Amino acid sequence: FLFDKNESLITVAAPGTGKSQAHVLRNLLYLKAPAVVLDIKGEMRDKSAAWRAENVGPVYVFAPGTAGSVRYNPLDHLPGDPEVAWDYARRLADLLVIPGHQSSGGEDYFESRARDMITTAILDVTLSEPDDRRNMASVLDRLYVSSDELFLDWCGHLESIGVAQLRRQASALRGMPPKQREGIMDSARRQLEIWQSPAIERLSTTTDFHADMLRQSNATLYI
């Protein structure tokens, strides 16, 4: 089947029926246009990267644990302006938190509060840290405080920044029973556990790939 229109398509078929070979690979070896390829196995990269590098444009790969992978720090794109930084921090937290499966259809209390904690940590890092420390490692450091005393010190730091959202969150955290607070922190840590990986940390401390490179240089990004 040939479909040569500028529209979105989705292909649904059983495993082993040729979706990747007949649709994805065929287009990667034909279309001289930018592409973002979700390529978990690396198969599409192996079979099409050389052709696209020669005939289309630069080829980039984001693959933790692979030599030559591009780097991407999601906090590099958060503005340092307190007026708008909270909205960006919240959007990033929404992308980082994996929703649970609640039988009632509602969001779990600890999951919801964990998202608030992650938002708070991201916003604090964005507004408080120098550029070389604005990354997910610094976010984790805030969620892995080792004692109640250090946690209350962090609350004082949040209040000192002078941002209403952080001041309110610090006030709420101070008033929580320690066990409830620890449950929320533990839930937040579980949501970000993957960021503990040394390979992912290495690739997420800085950014050397930007989305506008796709259009500017007709590039291909394999993820």
N, C-alpha and C. Protein backbone atom coordinates (compact mmCIF):
# COMPACT_ATOMS: atom_id res chain seq x y z
N PHE A 1 0.84 -1.19 0.00
CA PHE A 1 0.00 0.00 0.00
C PHE A 1 0.88 1.25 0.00
N LEU A 2 0.56 2.19 -0.86
CA LEU A 2 1.28 3.44 -0.92
C LEU A 2 0.37 4.57 -0.46
N PHE A 3 0.86 5.42 0.41
CA PHE A 3 0.09 6.57 0.89
C PHE A 3 1.03 7.76 0.87
N ASP A 4 0.87 8.65 -0.08
CA ASP A 4 1.83 9.72 -0.30
C ASP A 4 1.25 11.08 0.04
N LYS A 5 0.48 11.14 1.13
CA LYS A 5 -0.10 12.40 1.56
C LYS A 5 0.51 12.82 2.90
N ASN A 6 0.47 14.10 3.16
CA ASN A 6 1.05 14.63 4.40
C ASN A 6 0.03 14.51 5.54
N GLU A 7 -0.22 13.29 5.95
CA GLU A 7 -1.19 13.02 7.00
C GLU A 7 -0.61 12.00 7.97
N SER A 8 -1.19 11.94 9.16
CA SER A 8 -0.75 10.97 10.15
C SER A 8 -1.40 9.62 9.90
N LEU A 9 -0.65 8.55 10.15
CA LEU A 9 -1.17 7.20 9.97
C LEU A 9 -0.77 6.34 11.17
N ILE A 10 -1.55 5.32 11.43
CA ILE A 10 -1.19 4.31 12.42
C ILE A 10 -1.45 2.95 11.81
N THR A 11 -0.50 2.03 12.01
CA THR A 11 -0.63 0.67 11.48
C THR A 11 -0.80 -0.28 12.65
N VAL A 12 -1.84 -1.09 12.61
CA VAL A 12 -2.11 -2.07 13.65
C VAL A 12 -2.09 -3.46 13.03
N ALA A 13 -1.20 -4.31 13.53
CA ALA A 13 -1.11 -5.67 13.02
C ALA A 13 -0.41 -6.54 14.05
N ALA A 14 -0.56 -7.83 13.90
CA ALA A 14 0.03 -8.77 14.85
C ALA A 14 1.56 -8.75 14.75
N PRO A 15 2.26 -9.19 15.81
CA PRO A 15 3.72 -9.27 15.75
C PRO A 15 4.18 -10.17 14.61
N GLY A 16 5.27 -9.77 13.98
CA GLY A 16 5.84 -10.59 12.92
C GLY A 16 5.17 -10.48 11.58
N THR A 17 4.27 -9.50 11.40
CA THR A 17 3.56 -9.37 10.13
C THR A 17 4.18 -8.33 9.21
N GLY A 18 5.31 -7.76 9.61
CA GLY A 18 6.03 -6.88 8.69
C GLY A 18 5.76 -5.40 8.82
N LYS A 19 5.25 -4.96 9.97
CA LYS A 19 4.98 -3.52 10.13
C LYS A 19 6.26 -2.70 9.96
N SER A 20 7.31 -3.11 10.67
CA SER A 20 8.55 -2.35 10.61
C SER A 20 9.19 -2.41 9.23
N GLN A 21 9.26 -3.61 8.67
CA GLN A 21 9.92 -3.77 7.38
C GLN A 21 9.15 -3.11 6.24
N ALA A 22 7.83 -3.30 6.22
CA ALA A 22 7.04 -2.84 5.09
C ALA A 22 6.68 -1.36 5.17
N HIS A 23 6.56 -0.83 6.38
CA HIS A 23 6.12 0.56 6.52
C HIS A 23 7.24 1.47 7.01
N VAL A 24 7.80 1.18 8.18
CA VAL A 24 8.78 2.09 8.77
C VAL A 24 10.06 2.12 7.93
N LEU A 25 10.66 0.97 7.71
CA LEU A 25 11.92 0.92 6.98
C LEU A 25 11.75 1.42 5.55
N ARG A 26 10.67 1.05 4.91
CA ARG A 26 10.43 1.50 3.53
C ARG A 26 10.44 3.02 3.45
N ASN A 27 9.77 3.66 4.39
CA ASN A 27 9.71 5.12 4.37
C ASN A 27 11.05 5.76 4.74
N LEU A 28 11.76 5.16 5.68
CA LEU A 28 13.06 5.70 6.05
C LEU A 28 14.05 5.63 4.89
N LEU A 29 13.88 4.67 4.00
CA LEU A 29 14.76 4.52 2.84
C LEU A 29 14.18 5.19 1.60
N TYR A 30 13.20 6.06 1.79
CA TYR A 30 12.55 6.71 0.64
C TYR A 30 12.36 8.21 0.86
N LEU A 31 11.83 8.59 2.01
CA LEU A 31 11.50 9.98 2.26
C LEU A 31 12.73 10.79 2.62
N LYS A 32 13.00 11.82 1.84
CA LYS A 32 14.13 12.71 2.11
C LYS A 32 13.64 13.89 2.94
N ALA A 33 13.25 13.57 4.17
CA ALA A 33 12.69 14.57 5.08
C ALA A 33 13.14 14.20 6.49
N PRO A 34 13.07 15.16 7.43
CA PRO A 34 13.44 14.86 8.82
C PRO A 34 12.60 13.73 9.39
N ALA A 35 13.16 13.00 10.35
CA ALA A 35 12.42 11.89 10.95
C ALA A 35 12.85 11.69 12.40
N VAL A 36 11.87 11.38 13.24
CA VAL A 36 12.12 10.94 14.61
C VAL A 36 11.63 9.50 14.68
N VAL A 37 12.54 8.58 15.00
CA VAL A 37 12.24 7.15 14.92
C VAL A 37 12.33 6.52 16.30
N LEU A 38 11.20 6.01 16.80
CA LEU A 38 11.21 5.27 18.07
C LEU A 38 11.67 3.86 17.73
N ASP A 39 12.92 3.57 18.07
CA ASP A 39 13.61 2.38 17.56
C ASP A 39 14.21 1.60 18.72
N ILE A 40 13.36 0.96 19.52
CA ILE A 40 13.80 0.33 20.76
C ILE A 40 14.86 -0.74 20.52
N LYS A 41 14.71 -1.52 19.47
CA LYS A 41 15.66 -2.61 19.19
C LYS A 41 16.90 -2.13 18.44
N GLY A 42 16.86 -0.94 17.86
CA GLY A 42 17.99 -0.47 17.07
C GLY A 42 18.00 -1.01 15.66
N GLU A 43 16.97 -1.77 15.28
CA GLU A 43 16.93 -2.41 13.97
C GLU A 43 16.80 -1.39 12.84
N MET A 44 15.95 -0.39 13.04
CA MET A 44 15.75 0.61 11.98
C MET A 44 17.01 1.45 11.79
N ARG A 45 17.69 1.74 12.88
CA ARG A 45 18.95 2.48 12.78
C ARG A 45 19.98 1.69 11.99
N ASP A 46 20.10 0.40 12.31
CA ASP A 46 21.10 -0.43 11.64
C ASP A 46 20.85 -0.53 10.15
N LYS A 47 19.58 -0.53 9.74
CA LYS A 47 19.26 -0.77 8.34
C LYS A 47 19.05 0.50 7.51
N SER A 48 18.93 1.66 8.18
CA SER A 48 18.62 2.86 7.41
C SER A 48 19.51 4.05 7.70
N ALA A 49 20.27 4.03 8.79
CA ALA A 49 21.05 5.21 9.18
C ALA A 49 22.08 5.59 8.13
N ALA A 50 22.78 4.61 7.57
CA ALA A 50 23.82 4.92 6.59
C ALA A 50 23.22 5.59 5.35
N TRP A 51 22.10 5.06 4.86
CA TRP A 51 21.46 5.65 3.67
C TRP A 51 20.98 7.06 3.95
N ARG A 52 20.37 7.27 5.12
CA ARG A 52 19.85 8.59 5.44
C ARG A 52 20.98 9.59 5.66
N ALA A 53 22.09 9.15 6.25
CA ALA A 53 23.23 10.05 6.43
C ALA A 53 23.80 10.48 5.09
N GLU A 54 23.77 9.60 4.11
CA GLU A 54 24.33 9.89 2.78
C GLU A 54 23.37 10.68 1.90
N ASN A 55 22.07 10.43 2.03
CA ASN A 55 21.10 10.99 1.10
C ASN A 55 20.14 12.02 1.69
N VAL A 56 20.05 12.10 3.00
CA VAL A 56 19.04 12.97 3.61
C VAL A 56 19.69 14.07 4.45
N GLY A 57 20.43 13.71 5.49
CA GLY A 57 21.02 14.69 6.39
C GLY A 57 21.68 14.01 7.57
N PRO A 58 22.13 14.78 8.56
CA PRO A 58 22.81 14.20 9.72
C PRO A 58 21.93 13.20 10.47
N VAL A 59 22.58 12.21 11.04
CA VAL A 59 21.88 11.17 11.81
C VAL A 59 22.34 11.25 13.27
N TYR A 60 21.36 11.24 14.19
CA TYR A 60 21.65 11.27 15.62
C TYR A 60 20.95 10.09 16.29
N VAL A 61 21.54 9.62 17.36
CA VAL A 61 20.98 8.50 18.12
C VAL A 61 20.95 8.86 19.60
N PHE A 62 19.80 8.67 20.24
CA PHE A 62 19.72 8.78 21.70
C PHE A 62 19.51 7.38 22.24
N ALA A 63 20.56 6.81 22.85
CA ALA A 63 20.50 5.43 23.34
C ALA A 63 21.41 5.28 24.55
N PRO A 64 20.88 5.33 25.76
CA PRO A 64 21.71 5.15 26.96
C PRO A 64 22.52 3.87 26.87
N GLY A 65 23.80 3.98 27.21
CA GLY A 65 24.68 2.82 27.17
C GLY A 65 25.34 2.61 25.83
N THR A 66 25.04 3.47 24.85
CA THR A 66 25.62 3.34 23.52
C THR A 66 26.60 4.47 23.27
N ALA A 67 27.78 4.13 22.79
CA ALA A 67 28.79 5.14 22.49
C ALA A 67 28.29 6.05 21.36
N GLY A 68 28.53 7.34 21.51
CA GLY A 68 28.13 8.29 20.48
C GLY A 68 26.72 8.80 20.61
N SER A 69 26.02 8.43 21.67
CA SER A 69 24.65 8.90 21.86
C SER A 69 24.64 10.41 22.11
N VAL A 70 23.60 11.08 21.61
CA VAL A 70 23.43 12.49 21.92
C VAL A 70 23.00 12.62 23.38
N ARG A 71 23.15 13.82 23.91
CA ARG A 71 22.78 14.11 25.30
C ARG A 71 21.57 15.05 25.32
N TYR A 72 20.72 14.84 26.31
CA TYR A 72 19.54 15.70 26.42
C TYR A 72 19.19 15.89 27.89
N ASN A 73 19.21 17.14 28.33
CA ASN A 73 18.83 17.49 29.70
C ASN A 73 17.48 18.20 29.65
N PRO A 74 16.42 17.58 30.15
CA PRO A 74 15.10 18.20 30.05
C PRO A 74 14.98 19.52 30.80
N LEU A 75 15.84 19.76 31.79
CA LEU A 75 15.75 21.01 32.55
C LEU A 75 16.42 22.18 31.82
N ASP A 76 17.18 21.90 30.77
CA ASP A 76 17.80 22.99 30.02
C ASP A 76 16.77 23.90 29.36
N HIS A 77 15.55 23.39 29.17
CA HIS A 77 14.54 24.15 28.45
C HIS A 77 13.55 24.84 29.39
N LEU A 78 13.79 24.74 30.69
CA LEU A 78 12.91 25.42 31.64
C LEU A 78 13.40 26.85 31.85
N PRO A 79 12.50 27.83 31.76
CA PRO A 79 12.91 29.23 31.92
C PRO A 79 13.24 29.55 33.38
N GLY A 80 14.15 30.48 33.59
CA GLY A 80 14.51 30.88 34.93
C GLY A 80 13.64 31.99 35.48
N ASP A 81 12.62 32.39 34.74
CA ASP A 81 11.70 33.44 35.17
C ASP A 81 10.67 32.84 36.12
N PRO A 82 10.65 33.24 37.40
CA PRO A 82 9.69 32.67 38.36
C PRO A 82 8.23 32.82 37.94
N GLU A 83 7.94 33.81 37.10
CA GLU A 83 6.56 34.04 36.68
C GLU A 83 6.00 32.89 35.85
N VAL A 84 6.88 32.19 35.13
CA VAL A 84 6.41 31.13 34.22
C VAL A 84 7.04 29.78 34.53
N ALA A 85 8.07 29.76 35.39
CA ALA A 85 8.83 28.52 35.61
C ALA A 85 7.97 27.41 36.20
N TRP A 86 7.00 27.77 37.08
CA TRP A 86 6.19 26.72 37.72
C TRP A 86 5.39 25.95 36.68
N ASP A 87 4.82 26.64 35.70
CA ASP A 87 4.03 25.96 34.66
C ASP A 87 4.89 24.95 33.91
N TYR A 88 6.11 25.33 33.58
CA TYR A 88 7.01 24.43 32.86
C TYR A 88 7.41 23.25 33.74
N ALA A 89 7.68 23.53 35.02
CA ALA A 89 8.06 22.46 35.94
C ALA A 89 6.92 21.45 36.10
N ARG A 90 5.70 21.95 36.16
CA ARG A 90 4.54 21.06 36.31
C ARG A 90 4.36 20.19 35.08
N ARG A 91 4.53 20.78 33.90
CA ARG A 91 4.39 19.99 32.67
C ARG A 91 5.44 18.89 32.61
N LEU A 92 6.67 19.22 33.01
CA LEU A 92 7.71 18.21 33.01
C LEU A 92 7.40 17.11 34.02
N ALA A 93 6.92 17.47 35.20
CA ALA A 93 6.56 16.47 36.20
C ALA A 93 5.45 15.55 35.68
N ASP A 94 4.48 16.12 34.97
CA ASP A 94 3.40 15.31 34.40
C ASP A 94 3.95 14.28 33.43
N LEU A 95 5.01 14.63 32.69
CA LEU A 95 5.61 13.70 31.73
C LEU A 95 6.45 12.63 32.43
N LEU A 96 7.00 12.95 33.59
CA LEU A 96 7.88 12.03 34.29
C LEU A 96 7.11 11.00 35.12
N VAL A 97 5.91 11.35 35.58
CA VAL A 97 5.15 10.46 36.46
C VAL A 97 4.34 9.48 35.63
N ILE A 98 4.49 8.19 35.92
CA ILE A 98 3.72 7.15 35.23
C ILE A 98 2.44 6.91 36.01
N PRO A 99 1.28 7.18 35.39
CA PRO A 99 0.01 7.02 36.12
C PRO A 99 -0.20 5.59 36.59
N GLY A 100 -0.76 5.45 37.79
CA GLY A 100 -1.08 4.12 38.31
C GLY A 100 -2.41 3.64 37.78
N HIS A 101 -2.76 2.41 38.12
CA HIS A 101 -4.03 1.82 37.69
C HIS A 101 -4.91 1.64 38.92
N GLN A 102 -5.74 2.64 39.16
CA GLN A 102 -6.60 2.60 40.33
C GLN A 102 -7.96 2.01 39.97
N SER A 103 -8.43 1.08 40.79
CA SER A 103 -9.70 0.41 40.50
C SER A 103 -10.86 1.39 40.49
N SER A 104 -10.76 2.47 41.27
CA SER A 104 -11.84 3.44 41.34
C SER A 104 -11.80 4.42 40.17
N GLY A 105 -10.73 4.38 39.41
CA GLY A 105 -10.58 5.32 38.30
C GLY A 105 -9.98 6.64 38.71
N GLY A 106 -9.78 6.86 40.01
CA GLY A 106 -9.20 8.11 40.50
C GLY A 106 -7.71 7.99 40.71
N GLU A 107 -7.05 9.11 40.84
CA GLU A 107 -5.61 9.11 41.04
C GLU A 107 -5.29 8.82 42.50
N ASP A 108 -4.32 7.96 42.72
CA ASP A 108 -3.88 7.62 44.06
C ASP A 108 -3.37 8.87 44.78
N TYR A 109 -3.65 8.97 46.07
CA TYR A 109 -3.24 10.15 46.85
C TYR A 109 -1.73 10.34 46.79
N PHE A 110 -0.98 9.27 47.04
CA PHE A 110 0.47 9.39 47.09
C PHE A 110 1.05 9.68 45.70
N GLU A 111 0.42 9.16 44.67
CA GLU A 111 0.87 9.48 43.31
C GLU A 111 0.69 10.96 43.02
N SER A 112 -0.46 11.49 43.41
CA SER A 112 -0.73 12.91 43.18
C SER A 112 0.23 13.79 43.96
N ARG A 113 0.46 13.46 45.24
CA ARG A 113 1.38 14.25 46.05
C ARG A 113 2.83 14.08 45.57
N ALA A 114 3.16 12.89 45.05
CA ALA A 114 4.50 12.68 44.50
C ALA A 114 4.74 13.60 43.32
N ARG A 115 3.72 13.79 42.49
CA ARG A 115 3.85 14.72 41.36
C ARG A 115 4.10 16.14 41.87
N ASP A 116 3.42 16.50 42.95
CA ASP A 116 3.66 17.82 43.55
C ASP A 116 5.10 17.95 44.04
N MET A 117 5.62 16.89 44.67
CA MET A 117 6.99 16.93 45.18
C MET A 117 8.00 17.04 44.05
N ILE A 118 7.77 16.30 42.97
CA ILE A 118 8.68 16.35 41.83
C ILE A 118 8.64 17.73 41.19
N THR A 119 7.44 18.30 41.08
CA THR A 119 7.32 19.67 40.56
C THR A 119 8.10 20.64 41.43
N THR A 120 7.97 20.50 42.74
CA THR A 120 8.68 21.38 43.68
C THR A 120 10.19 21.25 43.51
N ALA A 121 10.68 20.02 43.44
CA ALA A 121 12.12 19.80 43.31
C ALA A 121 12.64 20.36 41.98
N ILE A 122 11.89 20.15 40.90
CA ILE A 122 12.30 20.68 39.59
C ILE A 122 12.34 22.19 39.61
N LEU A 123 11.32 22.81 40.18
CA LEU A 123 11.27 24.27 40.22
C LEU A 123 12.40 24.82 41.09
N ASP A 124 12.67 24.18 42.22
CA ASP A 124 13.76 24.62 43.08
C ASP A 124 15.09 24.56 42.34
N VAL A 125 15.35 23.44 41.66
CA VAL A 125 16.61 23.29 40.92
C VAL A 125 16.71 24.34 39.82
N THR A 126 15.61 24.58 39.13
CA THR A 126 15.61 25.55 38.03
C THR A 126 15.94 26.94 38.52
N LEU A 127 15.41 27.33 39.68
CA LEU A 127 15.59 28.69 40.17
C LEU A 127 16.81 28.86 41.05
N SER A 128 17.34 27.78 41.61
CA SER A 128 18.39 27.90 42.62
C SER A 128 19.78 27.50 42.14
N GLU A 129 19.86 26.58 41.20
CA GLU A 129 21.15 26.00 40.85
C GLU A 129 21.81 26.71 39.67
N PRO A 130 23.14 26.71 39.62
CA PRO A 130 23.84 27.22 38.42
C PRO A 130 23.59 26.29 37.25
N ASP A 131 23.92 26.74 36.05
CA ASP A 131 23.60 25.99 34.84
C ASP A 131 24.14 24.56 34.87
N ASP A 132 25.35 24.36 35.40
CA ASP A 132 25.94 23.02 35.37
C ASP A 132 25.33 22.09 36.41
N ARG A 133 24.43 22.60 37.26
CA ARG A 133 23.74 21.77 38.24
C ARG A 133 22.24 21.68 38.01
N ARG A 134 21.78 22.29 36.92
CA ARG A 134 20.34 22.24 36.60
C ARG A 134 20.06 20.96 35.81
N ASN A 135 19.91 19.85 36.51
CA ASN A 135 19.66 18.57 35.86
C ASN A 135 18.90 17.65 36.81
N MET A 136 18.56 16.46 36.30
CA MET A 136 17.76 15.54 37.08
C MET A 136 18.52 14.98 38.28
N ALA A 137 19.85 14.95 38.23
CA ALA A 137 20.62 14.49 39.38
C ALA A 137 20.39 15.41 40.58
N SER A 138 20.30 16.71 40.32
CA SER A 138 20.03 17.65 41.42
C SER A 138 18.60 17.50 41.94
N VAL A 139 17.67 17.15 41.05
CA VAL A 139 16.29 16.88 41.48
C VAL A 139 16.28 15.67 42.42
N LEU A 140 16.99 14.61 42.06
CA LEU A 140 17.05 13.42 42.91
C LEU A 140 17.67 13.74 44.26
N ASP A 141 18.70 14.57 44.26
CA ASP A 141 19.35 14.91 45.53
C ASP A 141 18.35 15.51 46.51
N ARG A 142 17.41 16.28 46.01
CA ARG A 142 16.42 16.91 46.89
C ARG A 142 15.40 15.90 47.40
N LEU A 143 15.16 14.86 46.65
CA LEU A 143 14.17 13.86 47.05
C LEU A 143 14.76 12.78 47.94
N TYR A 144 16.09 12.75 48.06
CA TYR A 144 16.75 11.72 48.86
C TYR A 144 17.41 12.32 50.10
N VAL A 145 16.76 13.32 50.70
CA VAL A 145 17.29 13.87 51.96
C VAL A 145 17.27 12.77 53.02
N SER A 146 18.29 12.77 53.88
CA SER A 146 18.53 11.62 54.76
C SER A 146 17.91 11.72 56.15
N SER A 147 17.39 12.88 56.53
CA SER A 147 16.84 13.02 57.87
C SER A 147 15.73 14.06 57.88
N ASP A 148 14.93 14.00 58.94
CA ASP A 148 13.84 14.96 59.06
C ASP A 148 14.39 16.38 59.23
N GLU A 149 15.53 16.49 59.91
CA GLU A 149 16.13 17.80 60.11
C GLU A 149 16.54 18.42 58.78
N LEU A 150 17.17 17.62 57.90
CA LEU A 150 17.57 18.12 56.60
C LEU A 150 16.35 18.47 55.74
N PHE A 151 15.28 17.69 55.92
CA PHE A 151 14.06 17.97 55.16
C PHE A 151 13.49 19.33 55.57
N LEU A 152 13.47 19.60 56.86
CA LEU A 152 12.95 20.88 57.32
C LEU A 152 13.86 22.03 56.90
N ASP A 153 15.16 21.76 56.81
CA ASP A 153 16.08 22.78 56.27
C ASP A 153 15.73 23.09 54.83
N TRP A 154 15.38 22.04 54.07
CA TRP A 154 14.99 22.26 52.67
C TRP A 154 13.72 23.11 52.60
N CYS A 155 12.78 22.84 53.50
CA CYS A 155 11.56 23.66 53.53
C CYS A 155 11.90 25.13 53.77
N GLY A 156 12.84 25.38 54.68
CA GLY A 156 13.27 26.76 54.90
C GLY A 156 13.89 27.37 53.66
N HIS A 157 14.66 26.57 52.93
CA HIS A 157 15.24 27.05 51.68
C HIS A 157 14.16 27.38 50.67
N LEU A 158 13.14 26.53 50.56
CA LEU A 158 12.05 26.78 49.62
C LEU A 158 11.35 28.10 49.94
N GLU A 159 11.15 28.35 51.22
CA GLU A 159 10.48 29.59 51.63
C GLU A 159 11.33 30.82 51.32
N SER A 160 12.64 30.65 51.35
CA SER A 160 13.52 31.80 51.14
C SER A 160 13.63 32.22 49.69
N ILE A 161 13.18 31.38 48.75
CA ILE A 161 13.32 31.70 47.33
C ILE A 161 12.38 32.84 46.94
N GLY A 162 11.26 32.97 47.66
CA GLY A 162 10.34 34.07 47.39
C GLY A 162 9.34 33.79 46.30
N VAL A 163 9.07 32.50 46.03
CA VAL A 163 8.09 32.10 45.03
C VAL A 163 6.89 31.51 45.76
N ALA A 164 5.71 31.99 45.43
CA ALA A 164 4.52 31.61 46.19
C ALA A 164 4.27 30.11 46.18
N GLN A 165 4.43 29.47 45.02
CA GLN A 165 4.16 28.03 44.93
C GLN A 165 5.09 27.23 45.86
N LEU A 166 6.36 27.63 45.92
CA LEU A 166 7.31 26.93 46.78
C LEU A 166 7.03 27.22 48.25
N ARG A 167 6.64 28.45 48.56
CA ARG A 167 6.31 28.79 49.93
C ARG A 167 5.11 27.98 50.43
N ARG A 168 4.09 27.86 49.60
CA ARG A 168 2.90 27.08 49.98
C ARG A 168 3.24 25.61 50.17
N GLN A 169 4.05 25.07 49.26
CA GLN A 169 4.43 23.65 49.37
C GLN A 169 5.24 23.41 50.64
N ALA A 170 6.15 24.32 50.97
CA ALA A 170 6.94 24.18 52.19
C ALA A 170 6.05 24.21 53.42
N SER A 171 5.07 25.09 53.42
CA SER A 171 4.14 25.18 54.55
C SER A 171 3.34 23.89 54.71
N ALA A 172 2.87 23.35 53.59
CA ALA A 172 2.11 22.10 53.64
C ALA A 172 2.97 20.95 54.14
N LEU A 173 4.22 20.89 53.70
CA LEU A 173 5.11 19.81 54.11
C LEU A 173 5.45 19.89 55.59
N ARG A 174 5.63 21.10 56.09
CA ARG A 174 5.93 21.26 57.51
C ARG A 174 4.80 20.74 58.39
N GLY A 175 3.57 20.90 57.93
CA GLY A 175 2.42 20.51 58.74
C GLY A 175 2.05 19.05 58.64
N MET A 176 2.74 18.26 57.82
CA MET A 176 2.42 16.85 57.66
C MET A 176 3.08 16.01 58.74
N PRO A 177 2.42 14.93 59.17
CA PRO A 177 3.10 13.97 60.05
C PRO A 177 4.29 13.37 59.32
N PRO A 178 5.38 13.10 60.01
CA PRO A 178 6.59 12.57 59.35
C PRO A 178 6.35 11.32 58.51
N LYS A 179 5.50 10.40 58.97
CA LYS A 179 5.26 9.16 58.21
C LYS A 179 4.54 9.46 56.89
N GLN A 180 3.58 10.39 56.93
CA GLN A 180 2.89 10.77 55.71
C GLN A 180 3.85 11.42 54.73
N ARG A 181 4.69 12.29 55.25
CA ARG A 181 5.67 12.98 54.42
C ARG A 181 6.64 12.00 53.78
N GLU A 182 7.10 11.03 54.55
CA GLU A 182 8.03 10.04 54.02
C GLU A 182 7.36 9.18 52.96
N GLY A 183 6.06 8.87 53.14
CA GLY A 183 5.34 8.11 52.12
C GLY A 183 5.28 8.84 50.80
N ILE A 184 5.07 10.14 50.87
CA ILE A 184 5.03 10.96 49.65
C ILE A 184 6.41 11.00 48.99
N MET A 185 7.44 11.20 49.79
CA MET A 185 8.79 11.25 49.24
C MET A 185 9.18 9.91 48.62
N ASP A 186 8.80 8.83 49.28
CA ASP A 186 9.11 7.50 48.75
C ASP A 186 8.42 7.27 47.42
N SER A 187 7.17 7.72 47.30
CA SER A 187 6.44 7.59 46.04
C SER A 187 7.12 8.41 44.93
N ALA A 188 7.58 9.61 45.27
CA ALA A 188 8.28 10.44 44.28
C ALA A 188 9.58 9.78 43.84
N ARG A 189 10.29 9.19 44.79
CA ARG A 189 11.55 8.51 44.45
C ARG A 189 11.32 7.32 43.53
N ARG A 190 10.24 6.57 43.78
CA ARG A 190 9.94 5.43 42.91
C ARG A 190 9.65 5.89 41.48
N GLN A 191 8.94 7.02 41.35
CA GLN A 191 8.62 7.51 40.02
C GLN A 191 9.87 7.89 39.22
N LEU A 192 10.91 8.32 39.91
CA LEU A 192 12.12 8.78 39.23
C LEU A 192 13.27 7.78 39.33
N GLU A 193 12.97 6.55 39.71
CA GLU A 193 14.01 5.55 39.94
C GLU A 193 14.90 5.35 38.71
N ILE A 194 14.32 5.39 37.52
CA ILE A 194 15.08 5.14 36.29
C ILE A 194 16.20 6.16 36.11
N TRP A 195 16.02 7.38 36.67
CA TRP A 195 17.03 8.43 36.53
C TRP A 195 18.25 8.16 37.41
N GLN A 196 18.20 7.12 38.24
CA GLN A 196 19.37 6.71 39.01
C GLN A 196 20.40 6.00 38.14
N SER A 197 19.98 5.51 36.98
CA SER A 197 20.88 4.77 36.10
C SER A 197 22.09 5.63 35.71
N PRO A 198 23.31 5.14 35.91
CA PRO A 198 24.50 5.92 35.52
C PRO A 198 24.50 6.28 34.04
N ALA A 199 24.01 5.36 33.18
CA ALA A 199 23.99 5.63 31.75
C ALA A 199 23.05 6.79 31.43
N ILE A 200 21.88 6.81 32.07
CA ILE A 200 20.93 7.89 31.82
C ILE A 200 21.42 9.19 32.44
N GLU A 201 22.02 9.12 33.62
CA GLU A 201 22.55 10.33 34.24
C GLU A 201 23.63 10.95 33.35
N ARG A 202 24.48 10.12 32.77
CA ARG A 202 25.55 10.62 31.91
C ARG A 202 25.00 11.36 30.70
N LEU A 203 23.86 10.89 30.17
CA LEU A 203 23.30 11.49 28.96
C LEU A 203 22.33 12.62 29.26
N SER A 204 22.04 12.90 30.53
CA SER A 204 21.02 13.90 30.83
C SER A 204 21.54 15.07 31.66
N THR A 205 22.85 15.19 31.79
CA THR A 205 23.39 16.32 32.53
C THR A 205 23.57 17.55 31.65
N THR A 206 23.70 17.36 30.34
CA THR A 206 23.84 18.45 29.39
C THR A 206 23.01 18.16 28.15
N THR A 207 22.94 19.12 27.26
CA THR A 207 22.18 18.95 26.02
C THR A 207 23.06 19.29 24.83
N ASP A 208 23.16 18.36 23.87
CA ASP A 208 23.84 18.68 22.62
C ASP A 208 22.98 18.39 21.39
N PHE A 209 21.67 18.15 21.63
CA PHE A 209 20.73 17.97 20.53
C PHE A 209 19.49 18.81 20.81
N HIS A 210 19.06 19.58 19.84
CA HIS A 210 17.86 20.39 19.96
C HIS A 210 16.88 20.02 18.84
N ALA A 211 15.61 20.08 19.14
CA ALA A 211 14.60 19.66 18.18
C ALA A 211 14.66 20.47 16.89
N ASP A 212 15.06 21.75 16.97
CA ASP A 212 15.09 22.55 15.75
C ASP A 212 16.17 22.08 14.77
N MET A 213 17.09 21.23 15.24
CA MET A 213 18.10 20.68 14.34
C MET A 213 17.47 19.77 13.29
N LEU A 214 16.31 19.21 13.61
CA LEU A 214 15.63 18.34 12.64
C LEU A 214 15.27 19.11 11.38
N ARG A 215 14.65 20.28 11.55
CA ARG A 215 14.26 21.08 10.39
C ARG A 215 15.45 21.80 9.76
N GLN A 216 16.34 22.30 10.59
CA GLN A 216 17.45 23.09 10.07
C GLN A 216 18.40 22.29 9.19
N SER A 217 18.61 21.01 9.52
CA SER A 217 19.57 20.22 8.77
C SER A 217 18.99 18.94 8.20
N ASN A 218 17.65 18.83 8.16
CA ASN A 218 17.02 17.64 7.61
C ASN A 218 17.51 16.37 8.34
N ALA A 219 17.59 16.45 9.64
CA ALA A 219 18.23 15.38 10.43
C ALA A 219 17.26 14.25 10.75
N THR A 220 17.85 13.13 11.16
CA THR A 220 17.12 11.97 11.62
C THR A 220 17.55 11.67 13.05
N LEU A 221 16.60 11.44 13.94
CA LEU A 221 16.88 11.08 15.32
C LEU A 221 16.29 9.71 15.61
N TYR A 222 17.15 8.78 15.96
CA TYR A 222 16.70 7.44 16.40
C TYR A 222 16.73 7.40 17.92
N ILE A 223 15.63 6.99 18.54
CA ILE A 223 15.53 6.91 20.00
C ILE A 223 15.38 5.44 20.41
